[in-house]
Amino acid sequence: MKYKIKKSVKNIEKPFLFSVCHRPTALFERQAVASRFRFYFPYSASRGVATLPTVMVLGIMALLVAVSITALSFTELFISQGSAQSARAHFYAEAGARDALIKIARDKTYTCTTTDCYSIDFSTNGCSLLNDCAKVQVTGSDTLKTITSKGIMKSSTRTLVVNVTQSSSGEIMNAASGVLSALSPSATSTGAAPRGIVISADGTSVYVGNYSAGTVSMYSRNTSSGALAPLSPATVTTASNPHSITISADGTSVYVTNWTSSTVSMYSRNTGTGALSTKTDYATGGNPRGVAISADGASVYTANSASTTVSMYSRNTGTGALTPLATSTIATQSNPFAIAISADGTSVYVANGNAATISMYSRNTGTGALTALGTPTIATGVAPYSITISVDGTSVYAANFTDNTISQYSRNTGTGALTSIGTVASGLAPRGVAISADGTSVYATNWTDSTVSMYSRNTGTGALTPLATSTIATGAGPYGISISADGNSVYTANNSSSTVSMYSRSNGTVWMEVVN
């Protein structure tokens, strides 16, 4: 069995292999280097010996120096002992992680989910004495597990977290980055017919717009495991038929487009609890679908499918309140479904479902006003339902519902103009598309076959390649999709089963992180 470990300490990554055969003293302990001091006493030129007063003074000085040396020696001893204890604790944590890897390699279903659920004693004292010990926990699914190993040496503890990707046969492998694995449990319930889904930038909250229920479901997110828990109360009301949802970068405001009532609802968000309150509705064009907010928080836009327009608003960054611009709308092509803004705030793109095009606009970063580019549109596949932009601004992707493809474009970061680089096949009837913040993965929800298509992305060209295992199952009728900013979690809003599917996302290989 071969596997790679990557160790991450303060954002510095260094590959290494470890073995319990390593001696901790040889690997980690630092020996204090004793300093040597010599004392030279002055002497009387006439007698060749030191005078009594000089001897007394120098004797006192020597005593003070000796005391200082003793204190220094004790300090060095304590530092050396503390360093050695910490180093041994780190070694024990590594050995515990390796022991768990062996257990997983022998039994792909192995888990031990209680905190510190099994111990390894490296002495005869027993772990209860907090000495020479590792305590280990193993959680996760058959294809993606997390080992938490805590090494203990007296007062020192070191904790390592190892993420392990396995093949279907149980082999520990270097998986392609971006592979999704369902959490356990794999889904949580929502209101009726969820469509839009969004995650707060701090990763602590998830919100889902429930089209038939006329509500937003609110969840707290465990930033370690990715699991969702409903808030109490679990929902807030919207206007009729909420469709898409977005959140300001500062986390203080959430906006939801309401299809039937032709409004956008604004909620203030408690950044501590994640709870939404103080709903205010603003008129839009007819039947708004998509909604987007600029990274600077100064502008909000809605894509209005019935009126074939984009509504443009300035946003009060203190209160979240919206004010229509003097020229409040700009034309799109037929049936605009989705809208996206580049991270630099200079470009806005709209996927036009009936026209099979993307409308391209430059954005005035001062006023928020949009202006159509000289070549205002570019062709997509049939019925583009959603659109996304890479964080680096070099790529744009559209999910084409009717012809089962993802359109790929390179973006001129100066002008905002798009150039087609072809399409890639998706599952049946893709609705949503999203890209990870690190730019290495793209995912699309497939409505008809209830799957997510998974792609790796060439960060140079923007081209997508389906992963070896190209799809993973969702709930019925997946619509919206969202990826946490840390890249560890992916969620889909499943319209037909009224659930949210929850996934952990692989970072590519066995990954070791020093937690403390």
Protein backbone atom coordinates (compact mmCIF):
# COMPACT_ATOMS: atom_id res chain seq x y z
CA MET A 1 0.00 0.00 0.00
CA LYS A 2 1.37 3.40 -0.97
CA TYR A 3 0.03 6.74 -0.02
CA LYS A 4 1.21 10.31 0.16
CA ILE A 5 0.85 12.64 3.05
CA LYS A 6 0.93 16.39 2.81
CA LYS A 7 1.63 18.38 5.91
CA SER A 8 0.28 21.93 6.15
CA VAL A 9 1.63 24.26 8.80
CA LYS A 10 0.84 27.96 8.60
CA ASN A 11 0.00 27.62 4.90
CA ILE A 12 3.38 26.05 4.09
CA GLU A 13 2.89 22.68 2.44
CA LYS A 14 5.62 20.06 2.42
CA PRO A 15 5.23 16.47 1.15
CA PHE A 16 6.60 13.79 3.39
CA LEU A 17 6.24 10.14 4.27
CA PHE A 18 6.11 9.04 7.86
CA SER A 19 6.64 5.78 9.66
CA VAL A 20 6.31 4.62 13.23
CA CYS A 21 9.90 3.38 12.85
CA HIS A 22 11.14 6.97 13.06
CA ARG A 23 12.78 7.83 16.36
CA PRO A 24 11.20 10.99 17.78
CA THR A 25 14.45 12.05 19.39
CA ALA A 26 16.22 11.90 16.06
CA LEU A 27 13.44 13.65 14.16
CA PHE A 28 12.13 16.32 16.43
CA GLU A 29 14.07 16.99 19.62
CA ARG A 30 16.46 19.91 19.79
CA GLN A 31 19.31 19.84 22.21
CA ALA A 32 20.27 22.99 24.04
CA VAL A 33 23.84 24.05 23.34
CA ALA A 34 25.57 24.98 26.58
CA SER A 35 27.41 28.28 26.53
CA ARG A 36 30.88 28.43 28.07
CA PHE A 37 32.09 31.50 29.95
CA ARG A 38 35.61 32.40 31.11
CA PHE A 39 36.29 35.09 33.73
CA TYR A 40 39.53 37.09 33.76
CA PHE A 41 40.41 38.89 37.00
CA PRO A 42 42.60 42.04 36.92
CA TYR A 43 45.70 41.97 39.04
CA SER A 44 47.94 44.49 40.87
CA ALA A 45 50.98 45.37 38.84
CA SER A 46 53.02 45.89 42.02
CA ARG A 47 52.12 42.63 43.74
CA GLY A 48 50.99 40.45 40.83
CA VAL A 49 47.74 39.56 42.66
CA ALA A 50 44.33 41.13 42.95
CA THR A 51 43.71 43.54 45.82
CA LEU A 52 41.08 42.65 48.45
CA PRO A 53 38.50 45.26 47.34
CA THR A 54 38.87 44.13 43.77
CA VAL A 55 38.47 40.51 44.82
CA MET A 56 35.32 41.36 46.79
CA VAL A 57 33.76 43.28 43.90
CA LEU A 58 34.67 40.64 41.38
CA GLY A 59 33.46 37.94 43.73
CA ILE A 60 30.02 39.57 43.87
CA MET A 61 30.04 39.95 40.09
CA ALA A 62 30.99 36.32 39.69
CA LEU A 63 28.15 35.30 41.99
CA LEU A 64 25.66 37.36 39.97
CA VAL A 65 26.95 35.91 36.73
CA ALA A 66 26.75 32.41 38.20
CA VAL A 67 23.15 33.01 39.25
CA SER A 68 22.38 34.31 35.75
CA ILE A 69 24.02 31.26 34.19
CA THR A 70 22.00 28.98 36.46
CA ALA A 71 18.77 30.78 35.54
CA LEU A 72 19.71 30.56 31.87
CA SER A 73 20.41 26.87 32.24
CA PHE A 74 17.02 26.29 33.89
CA THR A 75 15.33 28.32 31.16
CA GLU A 76 17.09 26.35 28.45
CA LEU A 77 16.19 23.14 30.24
CA PHE A 78 12.50 24.07 30.43
CA ILE A 79 12.46 25.19 26.78
CA SER A 80 14.23 22.02 25.75
CA GLN A 81 11.87 19.85 27.77
CA GLY A 82 8.80 21.69 26.47
CA SER A 83 10.05 21.39 22.90
CA ALA A 84 10.79 17.71 23.37
CA GLN A 85 7.35 17.07 24.89
CA SER A 86 5.64 18.88 22.01
CA ALA A 87 7.78 16.98 19.50
CA ARG A 88 6.93 13.64 21.11
CA ALA A 89 3.22 14.57 21.15
CA HIS A 90 3.47 15.35 17.43
CA PHE A 91 5.19 12.02 16.78
CA TYR A 92 2.49 10.14 18.72
CA ALA A 93 -0.22 11.93 16.72
CA GLU A 94 1.47 10.87 13.47
CA ALA A 95 1.77 7.29 14.70
CA GLY A 96 -1.91 7.28 15.67
CA ALA A 97 -2.87 8.54 12.22
CA ARG A 98 -0.76 5.83 10.59
CA ASP A 99 -2.37 3.17 12.75
CA ALA A 100 -5.81 4.38 11.62
CA LEU A 101 -4.68 4.34 7.98
CA ILE A 102 -3.71 0.69 8.40
CA LYS A 103 -7.13 -0.10 9.90
CA ILE A 104 -8.85 1.65 6.97
CA ALA A 105 -6.65 -0.14 4.43
CA ARG A 106 -7.62 -3.48 5.97
CA ASP A 107 -11.32 -2.63 6.26
CA LYS A 108 -12.72 0.11 4.00
CA THR A 109 -15.86 0.36 6.17
CA TYR A 110 -13.89 0.98 9.38
CA THR A 111 -15.01 3.96 11.47
CA CYS A 112 -14.70 4.93 15.11
CA THR A 113 -16.89 7.97 15.44
CA THR A 114 -16.81 8.83 19.14
CA THR A 115 -14.32 11.56 20.07
CA ASP A 116 -11.01 9.96 21.16
CA CYS A 117 -12.72 6.61 20.63
CA TYR A 118 -9.62 4.43 20.62
CA SER A 119 -6.22 4.88 22.22
CA ILE A 120 -2.67 3.75 21.58
CA ASP A 121 -0.42 3.54 24.64
CA PHE A 122 3.29 4.09 23.93
CA SER A 123 4.30 3.37 27.51
CA THR A 124 3.14 1.17 30.37
CA ASN A 125 1.45 4.07 32.12
CA GLY A 126 -1.80 4.00 30.18
CA CYS A 127 -3.51 6.86 28.37
CA SER A 128 -5.43 7.84 31.48
CA LEU A 129 -2.22 9.35 32.85
CA LEU A 130 -1.93 11.67 29.81
CA ASN A 131 1.52 10.43 28.95
CA ASP A 132 2.98 8.77 25.83
CA CYS A 133 -0.39 8.28 24.17
CA ALA A 134 -2.43 8.81 20.98
CA LYS A 135 -6.21 9.11 20.90
CA VAL A 136 -7.87 8.57 17.54
CA GLN A 137 -11.25 9.13 15.86
CA VAL A 138 -12.28 7.96 12.35
CA THR A 139 -15.39 9.37 10.67
CA GLY A 140 -16.82 9.46 7.15
CA SER A 141 -18.06 7.25 4.33
CA ASP A 142 -16.57 4.25 2.52
CA THR A 143 -14.91 6.57 -0.01
CA LEU A 144 -13.84 9.55 2.07
CA LYS A 145 -12.80 9.37 5.71
CA THR A 146 -11.38 11.82 8.23
CA ILE A 147 -8.88 10.70 10.86
CA THR A 148 -8.41 12.92 13.91
CA SER A 149 -5.36 11.85 15.91
CA LYS A 150 -4.32 13.57 19.15
CA GLY A 151 -0.84 12.90 20.47
CA ILE A 152 -0.31 13.43 24.22
CA MET A 153 2.94 13.84 26.13
CA LYS A 154 2.40 15.17 29.64
CA SER A 155 1.17 18.75 29.28
CA SER A 156 1.71 18.85 25.51
CA THR A 157 -0.86 17.76 22.93
CA ARG A 158 -0.69 17.87 19.13
CA THR A 159 -3.67 17.12 16.88
CA LEU A 160 -3.51 16.02 13.25
CA VAL A 161 -6.42 15.69 10.83
CA VAL A 162 -5.98 13.36 7.85
CA ASN A 163 -8.49 13.22 4.98
CA VAL A 164 -8.40 9.84 3.23
CA THR A 165 -9.84 9.14 -0.23
CA GLN A 166 -10.55 5.50 -1.11
CA SER A 167 -11.47 3.70 -4.30
CA SER A 168 -14.60 1.54 -4.44
CA SER A 169 -12.39 -1.45 -3.58
CA GLY A 170 -11.07 0.34 -0.49
CA GLU A 171 -7.62 1.23 -1.84
CA ILE A 172 -6.19 4.43 -0.38
CA MET A 173 -5.48 6.54 -3.41
CA ASN A 174 -4.48 9.88 -4.77
CA ALA A 175 -7.88 10.89 -6.04
CA ALA A 176 -8.45 13.66 -8.51
CA SER A 177 -9.19 16.91 -6.77
CA GLY A 178 -12.88 17.72 -6.64
CA VAL A 179 -14.38 14.27 -6.09
CA LEU A 180 -17.59 14.54 -4.05
CA SER A 181 -18.63 12.11 -1.33
CA ALA A 182 -22.07 12.14 0.29
CA LEU A 183 -22.14 13.01 3.96
CA SER A 184 -23.89 10.75 6.43
CA PRO A 185 -26.76 11.53 6.55
CA SER A 186 -26.60 12.57 2.91
CA ALA A 187 -29.53 15.02 2.90
CA THR A 188 -31.65 17.31 5.03
CA SER A 189 -35.25 18.40 4.47
CA THR A 190 -36.35 21.84 3.23
CA GLY A 191 -39.61 23.51 2.39
CA ALA A 192 -41.51 22.48 -0.75
CA ALA A 193 -39.68 22.66 -4.10
CA PRO A 194 -36.34 24.28 -3.19
CA ARG A 195 -34.53 26.00 -6.04
CA GLY A 196 -31.94 28.60 -5.05
CA ILE A 197 -29.21 27.88 -2.50
CA VAL A 198 -26.38 30.03 -1.12
CA ILE A 199 -23.64 29.76 1.54
CA SER A 200 -22.38 32.70 3.59
CA ALA A 201 -18.77 33.70 2.95
CA ASP A 202 -17.78 32.74 6.49
CA GLY A 203 -19.18 29.26 5.85
CA THR A 204 -21.42 29.20 8.92
CA SER A 205 -24.82 29.55 7.23
CA VAL A 206 -26.76 28.05 4.31
CA TYR A 207 -30.02 29.43 2.89
CA VAL A 208 -32.49 27.81 0.49
CA GLY A 209 -35.39 29.44 -1.37
CA ASN A 210 -38.42 27.12 -1.42
CA TYR A 211 -40.43 27.88 -4.56
CA SER A 212 -43.74 26.26 -3.66
CA ALA A 213 -43.61 26.95 0.07
CA GLY A 214 -42.89 30.67 -0.21
CA THR A 215 -40.15 30.44 2.41
CA VAL A 216 -36.40 30.52 2.93
CA SER A 217 -34.97 27.61 4.93
CA MET A 218 -32.11 28.61 7.25
CA TYR A 219 -29.32 26.29 8.40
CA SER A 220 -26.22 26.55 10.50
CA ARG A 221 -23.25 24.77 8.95
CA ASN A 222 -20.63 22.80 10.82
CA THR A 223 -17.47 24.25 9.27
CA SER A 224 -15.52 21.06 10.02
CA SER A 225 -17.90 18.35 8.84
CA GLY A 226 -20.12 20.36 6.48
CA ALA A 227 -23.28 19.03 8.13
CA LEU A 228 -26.33 21.32 8.21
CA ALA A 229 -28.69 21.90 11.14
CA PRO A 230 -31.96 23.86 10.83
CA LEU A 231 -32.16 27.09 12.80
CA SER A 232 -35.05 27.69 15.17
CA PRO A 233 -37.29 28.93 13.68
CA ALA A 234 -36.23 27.05 10.56
CA THR A 235 -37.79 29.36 7.94
CA VAL A 236 -38.77 32.92 7.10
CA THR A 237 -41.51 33.84 4.65
CA THR A 238 -40.93 35.36 1.22
CA ALA A 239 -43.30 36.74 -1.39
CA SER A 240 -44.76 34.33 -3.99
CA ASN A 241 -42.55 31.62 -5.48
CA PRO A 242 -38.98 32.44 -4.45
CA HIS A 243 -36.54 31.35 -7.12
CA SER A 244 -32.93 32.47 -6.67
CA ILE A 245 -31.00 33.66 -3.63
CA THR A 246 -27.76 35.52 -2.97
CA ILE A 247 -25.90 36.98 0.02
CA SER A 248 -23.69 40.04 0.42
CA ALA A 249 -19.97 39.43 0.89
CA ASP A 250 -20.09 41.02 4.36
CA GLY A 251 -22.84 38.58 5.32
CA THR A 252 -25.31 41.23 6.48
CA SER A 253 -27.95 40.95 3.74
CA VAL A 254 -29.74 38.18 1.84
CA TYR A 255 -31.79 38.77 -1.35
CA VAL A 256 -34.41 36.47 -2.92
CA THR A 257 -36.20 36.88 -6.25
CA ASN A 258 -39.94 36.08 -6.17
CA TRP A 259 -41.21 34.79 -9.51
CA THR A 260 -44.95 35.33 -9.26
CA SER A 261 -44.98 38.56 -7.26
CA SER A 262 -42.22 40.17 -9.38
CA THR A 263 -40.26 41.36 -6.38
CA VAL A 264 -36.93 40.88 -4.68
CA SER A 265 -37.04 40.35 -0.92
CA MET A 266 -34.25 41.75 1.24
CA TYR A 267 -33.46 40.30 4.69
CA SER A 268 -31.03 41.53 7.27
CA ARG A 269 -28.84 38.74 8.64
CA ASN A 270 -27.58 38.28 12.19
CA THR A 271 -23.92 37.50 11.49
CA GLY A 272 -23.63 35.69 14.82
CA THR A 273 -26.60 33.34 14.62
CA GLY A 274 -27.32 33.37 10.88
CA ALA A 275 -30.99 34.20 11.49
CA LEU A 276 -32.78 36.36 8.89
CA SER A 277 -35.23 39.13 9.75
CA THR A 278 -36.75 42.44 8.63
CA LYS A 279 -37.99 41.50 5.18
CA THR A 280 -38.43 44.33 2.69
CA ASP A 281 -39.79 43.77 -0.83
CA TYR A 282 -38.70 45.78 -3.87
CA ALA A 283 -40.41 45.78 -7.27
CA THR A 284 -38.56 44.18 -10.19
CA GLY A 285 -39.37 43.52 -13.82
CA GLY A 286 -41.75 40.68 -14.67
CA ASN A 287 -41.06 37.22 -13.20
CA PRO A 288 -37.50 37.63 -11.91
CA ARG A 289 -35.37 34.47 -11.82
CA GLY A 290 -31.71 35.26 -11.23
CA VAL A 291 -30.24 37.66 -8.66
CA ALA A 292 -26.65 38.77 -8.09
CA ILE A 293 -24.78 41.20 -5.85
CA SER A 294 -21.45 42.84 -6.62
CA ALA A 295 -18.45 41.91 -4.48
CA ASP A 296 -18.20 45.49 -3.23
CA GLY A 297 -21.82 45.26 -2.02
CA ALA A 298 -22.80 48.42 -3.86
CA SER A 299 -25.07 46.92 -6.54
CA VAL A 300 -27.82 44.30 -6.89
CA TYR A 301 -29.26 43.02 -10.18
CA THR A 302 -32.20 40.76 -11.08
CA ALA A 303 -32.81 38.92 -14.37
CA ASN A 304 -36.49 39.36 -15.26
CA SER A 305 -37.64 36.55 -17.55
CA ALA A 306 -41.07 37.90 -18.53
CA SER A 307 -40.01 41.49 -19.24
CA THR A 308 -36.70 40.56 -20.88
CA THR A 309 -34.73 42.99 -18.73
CA VAL A 310 -32.23 43.32 -15.92
CA SER A 311 -33.32 45.50 -13.00
CA MET A 312 -30.44 47.55 -11.54
CA TYR A 313 -30.26 48.79 -7.94
CA SER A 314 -27.77 50.66 -5.83
CA ARG A 315 -27.39 49.16 -2.36
CA ASN A 316 -26.91 50.93 0.95
CA THR A 317 -23.94 48.98 2.31
CA GLY A 318 -24.97 49.84 5.85
CA THR A 319 -28.63 48.83 5.81
CA GLY A 320 -28.85 46.64 2.71
CA ALA A 321 -31.69 48.76 1.34
CA LEU A 322 -32.07 48.94 -2.45
CA THR A 323 -32.73 51.97 -4.65
CA PRO A 324 -33.47 51.60 -8.39
CA LEU A 325 -30.95 53.40 -10.59
CA ALA A 326 -32.19 56.43 -12.54
CA THR A 327 -32.28 54.20 -15.59
CA SER A 328 -33.59 51.21 -13.71
CA THR A 329 -33.47 48.47 -16.36
CA ILE A 330 -31.45 47.34 -19.35
CA ALA A 331 -32.65 45.02 -22.12
CA THR A 332 -31.63 41.37 -22.45
CA GLN A 333 -32.63 38.76 -24.97
CA SER A 334 -35.59 36.40 -24.56
CA ASN A 335 -36.30 34.84 -21.17
CA PRO A 336 -33.25 35.71 -19.07
CA PHE A 337 -32.82 32.95 -16.48
CA ALA A 338 -29.62 33.67 -14.58
CA ILE A 339 -27.13 36.45 -13.90
CA ALA A 340 -23.53 36.62 -12.67
CA ILE A 341 -21.00 39.35 -11.85
CA SER A 342 -17.24 39.07 -12.20
CA ALA A 343 -15.25 39.29 -8.97
CA ASP A 344 -13.58 42.52 -10.13
CA GLY A 345 -17.04 44.04 -10.59
CA THR A 346 -16.43 45.19 -14.18
CA SER A 347 -18.64 42.68 -16.04
CA VAL A 348 -22.16 41.26 -15.79
CA TYR A 349 -23.45 38.28 -17.79
CA VAL A 350 -27.03 37.05 -18.30
CA ALA A 351 -28.04 33.59 -19.59
CA ASN A 352 -31.03 34.00 -21.93
CA GLY A 353 -32.99 30.73 -21.85
CA ASN A 354 -35.16 31.08 -24.95
CA ALA A 355 -32.60 32.94 -27.04
CA ALA A 356 -29.76 30.49 -26.31
CA THR A 357 -27.35 33.36 -25.73
CA ILE A 358 -25.40 35.18 -23.05
CA SER A 359 -25.86 38.94 -22.85
CA MET A 360 -22.58 40.70 -21.94
CA TYR A 361 -22.38 44.03 -20.11
CA SER A 362 -19.69 46.29 -18.77
CA ARG A 363 -20.40 47.69 -15.31
CA ASN A 364 -19.62 51.18 -14.10
CA THR A 365 -17.99 50.38 -10.76
CA GLY A 366 -18.92 53.81 -9.45
CA THR A 367 -22.61 53.96 -10.30
CA GLY A 368 -23.39 50.29 -10.93
CA ALA A 369 -24.96 51.10 -14.30
CA LEU A 370 -24.65 48.47 -17.03
CA THR A 371 -23.77 49.03 -20.69
CA ALA A 372 -24.03 46.37 -23.39
CA LEU A 373 -20.71 45.43 -24.97
CA GLY A 374 -20.09 46.30 -28.62
CA THR A 375 -20.84 42.68 -29.47
CA PRO A 376 -23.66 42.30 -26.94
CA THR A 377 -24.26 38.54 -27.02
CA ILE A 378 -22.58 35.19 -27.60
CA ALA A 379 -24.26 31.87 -28.43
CA THR A 380 -24.75 29.09 -25.88
CA GLY A 381 -26.23 25.63 -26.06
CA VAL A 382 -30.01 25.26 -25.99
CA ALA A 383 -31.81 26.80 -23.00
CA PRO A 384 -29.03 28.03 -20.72
CA TYR A 385 -30.48 27.92 -17.20
CA SER A 386 -27.53 29.11 -15.14
CA ILE A 387 -24.17 30.81 -15.40
CA THR A 388 -21.03 31.12 -13.29
CA ILE A 389 -17.65 32.90 -13.44
CA SER A 390 -14.31 31.74 -12.10
CA VAL A 391 -12.86 33.80 -9.25
CA ASP A 392 -9.83 34.73 -11.37
CA GLY A 393 -12.24 36.11 -13.98
CA THR A 394 -10.79 34.16 -16.90
CA SER A 395 -13.62 31.68 -17.49
CA VAL A 396 -17.42 31.63 -17.78
CA TYR A 397 -19.66 28.54 -17.89
CA ALA A 398 -23.36 28.10 -18.75
CA ALA A 399 -25.49 25.00 -18.08
CA ASN A 400 -27.71 24.25 -21.12
CA PHE A 401 -30.91 22.52 -20.03
CA THR A 402 -32.17 21.16 -23.34
CA ASP A 403 -29.05 19.88 -25.09
CA ASN A 404 -27.32 18.48 -21.98
CA THR A 405 -24.10 20.45 -22.25
CA ILE A 406 -21.97 22.99 -20.43
CA SER A 407 -20.82 25.90 -22.61
CA GLN A 408 -17.26 27.05 -21.86
CA TYR A 409 -15.84 30.51 -22.51
CA SER A 410 -12.57 32.31 -21.97
CA ARG A 411 -13.01 35.88 -20.75
CA ASN A 412 -10.96 38.92 -21.72
CA THR A 413 -10.32 40.40 -18.28
CA GLY A 414 -9.80 43.84 -19.80
CA THR A 415 -12.92 44.15 -21.96
CA GLY A 416 -15.15 41.45 -20.48
CA ALA A 417 -15.76 39.91 -23.91
CA LEU A 418 -16.27 36.14 -24.04
CA THR A 419 -14.81 33.66 -26.53
CA SER A 420 -16.24 30.17 -26.87
CA ILE A 421 -13.89 27.26 -26.17
CA GLY A 422 -16.54 24.63 -26.89
CA THR A 423 -18.91 22.53 -24.83
CA VAL A 424 -18.65 19.49 -22.60
CA ALA A 425 -21.37 16.91 -22.02
CA SER A 426 -23.36 16.95 -18.79
CA GLY A 427 -26.03 14.69 -17.35
CA LEU A 428 -29.65 15.05 -18.42
CA ALA A 429 -31.18 18.53 -18.25
CA PRO A 430 -28.55 20.51 -16.29
CA ARG A 431 -30.07 23.30 -14.21
CA GLY A 432 -27.32 24.73 -12.00
CA VAL A 433 -23.58 25.24 -12.42
CA ALA A 434 -20.93 26.34 -9.94
CA ILE A 435 -17.15 26.65 -9.74
CA SER A 436 -14.93 26.17 -6.70
CA ALA A 437 -13.08 29.17 -5.30
CA ASP A 438 -9.72 27.55 -6.09
CA GLY A 439 -10.81 27.25 -9.73
CA THR A 440 -9.99 23.55 -10.05
CA SER A 441 -13.53 22.10 -10.07
CA VAL A 442 -16.86 22.75 -11.79
CA TYR A 443 -20.14 21.03 -10.89
CA ALA A 444 -23.55 20.93 -12.63
CA THR A 445 -26.89 19.68 -11.29
CA ASN A 446 -28.79 17.42 -13.67
CA TRP A 447 -32.56 17.70 -13.22
CA THR A 448 -33.75 14.59 -15.05
CA ASP A 449 -31.24 11.99 -13.87
CA SER A 450 -30.85 13.46 -10.35
CA THR A 451 -27.07 13.70 -10.37
CA VAL A 452 -24.24 16.18 -10.13
CA SER A 453 -21.71 16.14 -12.97
CA MET A 454 -18.14 16.65 -11.73
CA TYR A 455 -15.35 18.23 -13.79
CA SER A 456 -11.75 19.15 -13.26
CA ARG A 457 -10.81 22.53 -14.71
CA ASN A 458 -7.58 23.43 -16.44
CA THR A 459 -6.74 26.65 -14.62
CA GLY A 460 -4.71 27.84 -17.60
CA THR A 461 -7.18 27.29 -20.44
CA GLY A 462 -10.45 26.96 -18.52
CA ALA A 463 -11.29 23.70 -20.31
CA LEU A 464 -13.32 21.13 -18.36
CA THR A 465 -12.66 17.39 -18.16
CA PRO A 466 -15.16 14.97 -16.57
CA LEU A 467 -13.71 13.17 -13.55
CA ALA A 468 -13.13 9.42 -13.80
CA THR A 469 -16.27 8.97 -11.73
CA SER A 470 -18.17 11.69 -13.54
CA THR A 471 -21.41 11.93 -11.51
CA ILE A 472 -22.79 11.45 -8.03
CA ALA A 473 -26.43 10.95 -7.03
CA THR A 474 -28.55 13.74 -5.55
CA GLY A 475 -32.11 13.95 -4.32
CA ALA A 476 -34.83 14.15 -6.97
CA GLY A 477 -34.77 17.05 -9.39
CA PRO A 478 -31.66 18.98 -8.31
CA TYR A 479 -31.82 22.66 -9.16
CA GLY A 480 -29.42 25.10 -7.50
CA ILE A 481 -25.89 24.26 -6.35
CA SER A 482 -23.44 26.04 -4.07
CA ILE A 483 -19.84 25.45 -2.93
CA SER A 484 -18.43 26.65 0.39
CA ALA A 485 -15.66 29.23 0.17
CA ASP A 486 -13.22 26.83 1.85
CA GLY A 487 -13.92 24.34 -0.93
CA ASN A 488 -14.72 21.51 1.48
CA SER A 489 -18.49 21.26 0.98
CA VAL A 490 -21.00 21.20 -1.89
CA TYR A 491 -24.80 21.40 -1.55
CA THR A 492 -27.67 20.96 -4.01
CA ALA A 493 -31.28 22.12 -3.67
CA ASN A 494 -33.47 19.22 -4.85
CA ASN A 495 -36.75 20.62 -6.17
CA SER A 496 -38.69 17.36 -6.49
CA SER A 497 -37.69 15.70 -3.20
CA SER A 498 -37.68 18.93 -1.14
CA THR A 499 -34.24 18.19 0.26
CA VAL A 500 -30.69 19.51 0.27
CA SER A 501 -28.00 16.97 -0.64
CA MET A 502 -24.74 17.45 1.28
CA TYR A 503 -21.28 16.46 0.07
CA SER A 504 -17.71 16.70 1.22
CA ARG A 505 -15.21 17.60 -1.50
CA SER A 506 -11.83 15.93 -1.88
CA ASN A 507 -8.71 18.09 -1.96
CA GLY A 508 -6.98 15.45 -4.03
CA THR A 509 -5.06 12.98 -1.86
CA VAL A 510 -4.46 11.86 1.68
CA TRP A 511 -4.13 15.23 3.36
CA MET A 512 -2.62 15.90 6.74
CA GLU A 513 -3.20 19.16 8.57
CA VAL A 514 -1.64 20.17 11.87
CA VAL A 515 -4.57 21.53 13.87
CA ASN A 516 -2.63 22.51 16.98
